[in-house]
Amino acid sequence: MKRIAVDAMGGDHAPQAIVEGVNQAITAFSDIEVQLYGDEAKIRQYLTATERVSIIHTDEKINSDDEPAKAIRRKKNASMVLAAKAVKEGQADAVLSAGNTGALLAAGLFVVGRIKGIDRPGLLSTLPTTDGKGFDMLDLGANAESTAKHLHQYAVLGSFYAENVRSIAKPRVGLLNNGTEETKGDPLRKEVFALLSDEPAINFIGNIEARELMNGVADVVVTDGFTGNAVLKSIEGTALGIMGQLKTAIEGGGLRAKIGYLFMKNSLRTLKKSLDYSDAGGAVLFGLNAPVVKAHGSSDAKTILATIRQIRTMLESDVVAKSVAKFSPVEESDE
């Protein structure tokens, strides 16, 4: 049985969206147990699942404007902290929260702990491509600055995630840069290029440009957290902008536009689905001793269900334990 500790109080629509997603997950997967951490009275308003679900009551929670490290230290009974402690103490196998991103990163590092040999865990998420297959990208903001060694580690971890969790054979790993030529980029990017070119554990395809990301140019994209977070938000904003403009054009275009929409409805739904990465689950803080997954703050029940599915796959594939075995030889070769 796969045991998932869930921060029921994190996110814009907590606890309703979180609990409703858990209800769906319990129905969909017979091999999971869910521990809900938070205000029991509020959780029970929405909980319909009666089996394989437990509630661990606490009145304390971490707010979106709390300073991450301080919140983890001072709010020791917060729902997010208790969920992380459950993993550390062996009572759960993974953590899920839609709450404060920085606080979850801190809980992952200071409570769950990082895998020996990994300097800085990276935040990984699966983003959309026009062919619907998606690509994994890290770091998406766990670390604003990175060294060449950190990006080298992200490439290996990202490749391993794509292979084991997304079942991609020999995933193509690309380094995000301002040009495809080997000579492009700042000193950091050039150093990383050299390291990845000599790394036998990955299928490195070289530098890639941001404009090609959604064309499926790579299965794994590696960059520093500052750049990765900016790219992530650009993709989010572009998707929302396109759909918003289409809606405005249809609503304000008169009878012809509305008739045209009837003929194009299925195509537009396909377009919307291709831009929506909620089905891929949450962002994984990869490089820790257990899966720690951050769902989007605005997650609905559908997204929580997808994130639990993602965690279930991570646990089923035993990707964390395998990454230790896979990563250690790489670390030794660098010494």
Protein backbone atom coordinates (compact mmCIF):
# COMPACT_ATOMS: atom_id res chain seq x y z
CA MET A 1 0.00 0.00 0.00
CA LYS A 2 1.33 3.42 -0.98
CA ARG A 3 0.91 5.97 1.84
CA ILE A 4 0.58 9.62 0.85
CA ALA A 5 0.64 12.45 3.40
CA VAL A 6 -1.46 15.38 2.15
CA ASP A 7 -1.43 18.94 3.44
CA ALA A 8 -5.19 19.53 3.28
CA MET A 9 -4.94 23.21 4.21
CA GLY A 10 -2.53 24.38 1.50
CA GLY A 11 -3.71 26.15 -1.65
CA ASP A 12 -6.23 28.75 -2.79
CA HIS A 13 -9.18 26.35 -2.64
CA ALA A 14 -8.25 24.30 0.42
CA PRO A 15 -9.53 22.18 1.92
CA GLN A 16 -12.39 21.63 -0.55
CA ALA A 17 -10.37 21.08 -3.74
CA ILE A 18 -7.77 18.98 -1.91
CA VAL A 19 -10.31 16.70 -0.24
CA GLU A 20 -12.46 16.32 -3.35
CA GLY A 21 -9.36 15.29 -5.29
CA VAL A 22 -8.54 12.75 -2.58
CA ASN A 23 -12.09 11.37 -2.79
CA GLN A 24 -11.58 10.75 -6.51
CA ALA A 25 -8.12 9.24 -5.99
CA ILE A 26 -9.36 6.77 -3.39
CA THR A 27 -11.99 5.59 -5.90
CA ALA A 28 -9.51 5.43 -8.77
CA PHE A 29 -6.62 3.66 -6.99
CA SER A 30 -7.11 0.72 -4.68
CA ASP A 31 -3.46 0.59 -3.63
CA ILE A 32 -3.14 3.98 -1.89
CA GLU A 33 -3.75 5.27 1.61
CA VAL A 34 -4.11 9.00 2.23
CA GLN A 35 -3.36 10.88 5.43
CA LEU A 36 -5.05 14.30 5.51
CA TYR A 37 -3.38 16.86 7.76
CA GLY A 38 -5.43 19.87 8.81
CA ASP A 39 -8.61 21.11 10.48
CA GLU A 40 -10.75 18.00 10.94
CA ALA A 41 -14.10 19.81 11.02
CA LYS A 42 -13.36 21.61 7.74
CA ILE A 43 -12.01 18.47 6.07
CA ARG A 44 -15.04 16.35 7.00
CA GLN A 45 -17.37 18.77 5.22
CA TYR A 46 -16.03 17.49 1.89
CA LEU A 47 -14.73 13.98 2.67
CA THR A 48 -16.89 11.24 1.17
CA ALA A 49 -14.28 8.48 1.02
CA THR A 50 -14.65 6.16 3.99
CA GLU A 51 -11.82 3.69 3.44
CA ARG A 52 -8.05 4.15 3.36
CA VAL A 53 -8.30 7.76 4.52
CA SER A 54 -7.32 9.17 7.90
CA ILE A 55 -7.42 12.70 9.30
CA ILE A 56 -4.67 14.06 11.55
CA HIS A 57 -6.11 17.18 13.14
CA THR A 58 -4.20 20.41 13.57
CA ASP A 59 -5.36 24.01 13.80
CA GLU A 60 -2.02 25.37 12.59
CA LYS A 61 -1.17 26.01 8.95
CA ILE A 62 1.45 27.84 6.90
CA ASN A 63 0.07 30.85 5.06
CA SER A 64 1.04 32.01 1.59
CA ASP A 65 2.79 35.11 2.96
CA ASP A 66 4.77 33.33 5.69
CA GLU A 67 8.57 33.46 5.44
CA PRO A 68 9.41 29.84 4.47
CA ALA A 69 12.32 28.89 6.74
CA LYS A 70 10.90 30.70 9.77
CA ALA A 71 7.49 29.12 9.25
CA ILE A 72 8.95 25.61 9.19
CA ARG A 73 10.88 26.27 12.41
CA ARG A 74 8.15 28.09 14.33
CA LYS A 75 4.99 26.36 13.15
CA LYS A 76 5.98 22.85 14.13
CA ASN A 77 2.35 21.65 14.16
CA ALA A 78 1.43 23.15 10.80
CA SER A 79 -0.32 20.74 8.43
CA MET A 80 2.56 20.88 5.92
CA VAL A 81 5.22 20.27 8.57
CA LEU A 82 3.35 17.33 10.10
CA ALA A 83 2.93 15.77 6.65
CA ALA A 84 6.69 16.07 6.02
CA LYS A 85 7.46 14.62 9.47
CA ALA A 86 5.26 11.62 8.70
CA VAL A 87 7.56 10.79 5.79
CA LYS A 88 10.71 11.34 7.83
CA GLU A 89 9.40 9.04 10.58
CA GLY A 90 8.34 6.32 8.13
CA GLN A 91 4.59 6.78 8.60
CA ALA A 92 4.11 7.91 4.98
CA ASP A 93 5.93 7.45 1.68
CA ALA A 94 5.36 10.83 0.00
CA VAL A 95 4.18 14.40 0.65
CA LEU A 96 1.70 16.48 -1.35
CA SER A 97 0.89 20.15 -0.78
CA ALA A 98 -0.60 23.01 -2.79
CA GLY A 99 0.57 25.51 -0.19
CA ASN A 100 3.49 27.93 0.17
CA THR A 101 6.14 26.79 -2.34
CA GLY A 102 9.11 28.11 -0.38
CA ALA A 103 7.90 26.50 2.82
CA LEU A 104 7.44 23.14 1.09
CA LEU A 105 10.97 23.38 -0.31
CA ALA A 106 12.24 24.12 3.19
CA ALA A 107 10.24 21.22 4.66
CA GLY A 108 11.63 18.93 1.99
CA LEU A 109 15.23 19.94 2.67
CA PHE A 110 15.16 20.27 6.47
CA VAL A 111 12.59 17.61 7.40
CA VAL A 112 12.53 14.95 4.66
CA GLY A 113 16.21 15.47 3.76
CA ARG A 114 18.16 15.28 0.50
CA ILE A 115 19.74 12.24 -1.07
CA LYS A 116 23.40 11.92 -0.20
CA GLY A 117 25.54 13.17 -3.08
CA ILE A 118 22.99 15.64 -4.43
CA ASP A 119 23.99 19.19 -3.59
CA ARG A 120 20.70 20.99 -4.26
CA PRO A 121 17.42 19.29 -5.16
CA GLY A 122 15.70 20.87 -8.16
CA LEU A 123 12.06 21.61 -8.83
CA LEU A 124 10.86 19.56 -11.80
CA SER A 125 7.57 19.78 -13.66
CA THR A 126 6.16 18.33 -16.87
CA LEU A 127 5.19 21.13 -19.26
CA PRO A 128 3.06 20.98 -22.42
CA THR A 129 4.14 20.51 -26.03
CA THR A 130 2.07 20.84 -29.18
CA ASP A 131 2.12 17.07 -29.74
CA GLY A 132 0.73 16.44 -26.25
CA LYS A 133 3.75 14.46 -25.03
CA GLY A 134 5.22 17.20 -22.83
CA PHE A 135 8.73 17.71 -21.51
CA ASP A 136 10.30 17.70 -18.05
CA MET A 137 12.10 20.86 -16.98
CA LEU A 138 14.27 21.67 -13.98
CA ASP A 139 15.16 23.69 -12.07
CA LEU A 140 11.92 25.72 -11.97
CA GLY A 141 12.81 27.89 -9.01
CA ALA A 142 14.11 25.86 -6.10
CA ASN A 143 17.46 27.62 -6.51
CA ALA A 144 17.82 31.06 -8.08
CA GLU A 145 21.51 30.45 -8.77
CA SER A 146 23.25 27.24 -9.78
CA THR A 147 26.75 26.01 -10.49
CA ALA A 148 27.72 23.84 -13.43
CA LYS A 149 27.81 20.84 -11.10
CA HIS A 150 24.22 21.51 -9.98
CA LEU A 151 22.98 21.64 -13.58
CA HIS A 152 24.91 18.46 -14.33
CA GLN A 153 23.08 16.76 -11.48
CA TYR A 154 19.73 18.09 -12.71
CA ALA A 155 20.38 16.59 -16.14
CA VAL A 156 20.98 13.15 -14.65
CA LEU A 157 18.03 13.37 -12.27
CA GLY A 158 15.70 14.73 -14.95
CA SER A 159 16.68 12.01 -17.38
CA PHE A 160 16.10 9.39 -14.74
CA TYR A 161 12.66 10.82 -13.90
CA ALA A 162 11.62 10.87 -17.56
CA GLU A 163 12.77 7.30 -18.05
CA ASN A 164 11.24 5.80 -14.90
CA VAL A 165 8.13 7.90 -14.26
CA ARG A 166 7.16 8.88 -17.82
CA SER A 167 8.47 5.67 -19.46
CA ILE A 168 10.59 7.45 -22.09
CA ALA A 169 13.43 5.32 -23.41
CA LYS A 170 16.70 7.26 -23.74
CA PRO A 171 15.12 10.67 -23.03
CA ARG A 172 16.64 13.54 -25.01
CA VAL A 173 18.27 16.05 -22.64
CA GLY A 174 18.73 19.64 -23.79
CA LEU A 175 20.48 22.60 -22.17
CA LEU A 176 18.43 25.81 -22.40
CA ASN A 177 20.59 28.50 -23.98
CA ASN A 178 20.44 31.61 -26.17
CA GLY A 179 21.49 29.65 -29.24
CA THR A 180 22.06 26.08 -30.39
CA GLU A 181 25.75 26.40 -31.23
CA GLU A 182 28.25 24.85 -28.81
CA THR A 183 29.98 28.22 -28.41
CA LYS A 184 26.82 30.05 -27.31
CA GLY A 185 26.03 31.21 -23.80
CA ASP A 186 27.73 32.60 -20.74
CA PRO A 187 30.66 30.85 -18.99
CA LEU A 188 28.24 28.78 -16.85
CA ARG A 189 26.35 27.42 -19.86
CA LYS A 190 29.60 26.62 -21.68
CA GLU A 191 30.93 24.71 -18.68
CA VAL A 192 27.67 22.79 -18.34
CA PHE A 193 27.70 21.95 -22.05
CA ALA A 194 31.14 20.37 -21.66
CA LEU A 195 30.05 18.35 -18.61
CA LEU A 196 26.89 17.05 -20.25
CA SER A 197 28.69 16.20 -23.48
CA ASP A 198 30.96 13.87 -21.51
CA GLU A 199 28.16 12.34 -19.38
CA PRO A 200 27.49 8.73 -20.49
CA ALA A 201 24.38 8.35 -18.30
CA ILE A 202 22.28 10.71 -20.44
CA ASN A 203 21.31 11.26 -24.07
CA PHE A 204 22.50 14.85 -24.38
CA ILE A 205 21.35 16.57 -27.60
CA GLY A 206 23.06 19.93 -27.00
CA ASN A 207 21.82 23.48 -26.59
CA ILE A 208 18.18 24.33 -27.27
CA GLU A 209 16.34 27.63 -27.54
CA ALA A 210 13.24 28.65 -25.60
CA ARG A 211 11.16 29.14 -28.75
CA GLU A 212 11.47 25.40 -29.52
CA LEU A 213 10.36 24.11 -26.10
CA MET A 214 6.71 23.54 -27.00
CA ASN A 215 7.69 21.87 -30.28
CA GLY A 216 8.97 18.85 -28.37
CA VAL A 217 12.65 19.48 -29.13
CA ALA A 218 13.69 17.65 -25.93
CA ASP A 219 12.23 15.32 -23.31
CA VAL A 220 14.22 16.94 -20.48
CA VAL A 221 15.27 20.60 -20.35
CA VAL A 222 17.93 21.76 -17.91
CA THR A 223 18.42 25.32 -16.68
CA ASP A 224 19.02 27.37 -13.54
CA GLY A 225 16.06 28.12 -11.24
CA PHE A 226 15.81 31.82 -12.09
CA THR A 227 15.56 31.17 -15.83
CA GLY A 228 13.37 28.10 -15.39
CA ASN A 229 10.84 29.95 -13.25
CA ALA A 230 10.67 32.79 -15.77
CA VAL A 231 10.09 30.32 -18.63
CA LEU A 232 7.42 28.46 -16.64
CA LYS A 233 5.47 31.65 -15.95
CA SER A 234 5.86 32.77 -19.57
CA ILE A 235 4.32 29.51 -20.78
CA GLU A 236 1.50 29.80 -18.22
CA GLY A 237 0.81 33.40 -19.18
CA THR A 238 0.91 32.70 -22.92
CA ALA A 239 -1.55 29.80 -22.61
CA LEU A 240 -3.97 31.88 -20.54
CA GLY A 241 -3.58 34.83 -22.90
CA ILE A 242 -4.31 32.79 -26.03
CA MET A 243 -7.43 31.19 -24.57
CA GLY A 244 -8.60 34.54 -23.21
CA GLN A 245 -8.20 36.24 -26.59
CA LEU A 246 -10.07 33.45 -28.36
CA LYS A 247 -12.95 33.70 -25.90
CA THR A 248 -13.11 37.49 -26.29
CA ALA A 249 -13.02 37.23 -30.09
CA ILE A 250 -15.85 34.70 -30.13
CA GLU A 251 -18.04 36.55 -27.65
CA GLY A 252 -17.52 39.92 -29.34
CA GLY A 253 -17.53 38.72 -32.94
CA GLY A 254 -21.25 38.59 -33.46
CA LEU A 255 -23.36 35.82 -34.99
CA ARG A 256 -20.76 34.71 -37.55
CA ALA A 257 -18.12 34.17 -34.84
CA LYS A 258 -20.55 32.14 -32.74
CA ILE A 259 -21.55 29.98 -35.71
CA GLY A 260 -17.87 29.50 -36.55
CA TYR A 261 -17.23 28.42 -32.97
CA LEU A 262 -19.81 25.65 -33.31
CA PHE A 263 -17.83 24.21 -36.21
CA MET A 264 -14.46 24.66 -34.47
CA LYS A 265 -15.51 23.66 -30.95
CA ASN A 266 -13.78 20.29 -30.94
CA SER A 267 -10.56 21.75 -32.40
CA LEU A 268 -10.51 24.52 -29.80
CA ARG A 269 -11.01 21.99 -27.01
CA THR A 270 -8.04 20.04 -28.36
CA LEU A 271 -5.99 23.26 -28.37
CA LYS A 272 -6.97 24.03 -24.78
CA LYS A 273 -6.07 20.50 -23.69
CA SER A 274 -2.65 20.76 -25.39
CA LEU A 275 -1.89 23.92 -23.39
CA ASP A 276 -3.14 22.50 -20.10
CA TYR A 277 -0.50 20.69 -18.05
CA SER A 278 -2.71 20.02 -15.01
CA ASP A 279 -3.09 16.40 -16.11
CA ALA A 280 0.67 15.93 -15.67
CA GLY A 281 0.47 16.53 -11.90
CA GLY A 282 2.56 18.79 -9.73
CA ALA A 283 6.14 19.97 -9.48
CA VAL A 284 8.50 17.48 -7.87
CA LEU A 285 11.30 18.58 -5.55
CA PHE A 286 13.57 15.94 -7.01
CA GLY A 287 16.68 14.85 -5.16
CA LEU A 288 15.12 14.21 -1.74
CA ASN A 289 14.79 10.99 0.24
CA ALA A 290 11.09 10.71 -0.72
CA PRO A 291 8.71 12.25 -3.25
CA VAL A 292 7.78 15.80 -2.22
CA VAL A 293 5.31 17.23 -4.73
CA LYS A 294 3.96 20.75 -5.02
CA ALA A 295 0.55 21.15 -6.68
CA HIS A 296 -0.33 24.57 -8.09
CA GLY A 297 -1.88 26.92 -5.56
CA SER A 298 -5.02 27.23 -7.68
CA SER A 299 -5.39 23.46 -8.09
CA ASP A 300 -8.88 22.02 -8.42
CA ALA A 301 -9.94 18.45 -7.63
CA LYS A 302 -8.91 17.26 -11.11
CA THR A 303 -5.37 18.55 -10.61
CA ILE A 304 -5.09 16.97 -7.16
CA LEU A 305 -6.20 13.64 -8.62
CA ALA A 306 -3.55 13.95 -11.35
CA THR A 307 -0.89 14.80 -8.77
CA ILE A 308 -1.79 11.79 -6.64
CA ARG A 309 -1.58 9.65 -9.79
CA GLN A 310 1.88 11.10 -10.42
CA ILE A 311 3.01 10.33 -6.85
CA ARG A 312 1.62 6.81 -7.14
CA THR A 313 3.70 6.27 -10.29
CA MET A 314 6.81 7.60 -8.54
CA LEU A 315 6.29 5.20 -5.66
CA GLU A 316 5.45 2.29 -7.94
CA SER A 317 8.58 2.81 -10.04
CA ASP A 318 10.64 3.35 -6.87
CA VAL A 319 12.34 6.23 -8.64
CA VAL A 320 13.87 7.73 -5.49
CA ALA A 321 15.65 4.54 -4.44
CA LYS A 322 16.74 3.90 -8.01
CA SER A 323 18.06 7.44 -8.39
CA VAL A 324 20.43 6.86 -5.48
CA ALA A 325 21.90 3.82 -7.23
CA LYS A 326 21.95 5.57 -10.59
CA PHE A 327 23.40 8.81 -9.31
CA SER A 328 26.17 7.54 -7.03
CA PRO A 329 28.42 6.25 -9.84
CA VAL A 330 28.15 9.66 -11.55
CA GLU A 331 29.24 11.40 -8.35
CA GLU A 332 32.19 9.06 -7.97
CA SER A 333 33.30 9.68 -11.54
CA ASP A 334 33.39 13.43 -10.86
CA GLU A 335 35.77 13.14 -7.92
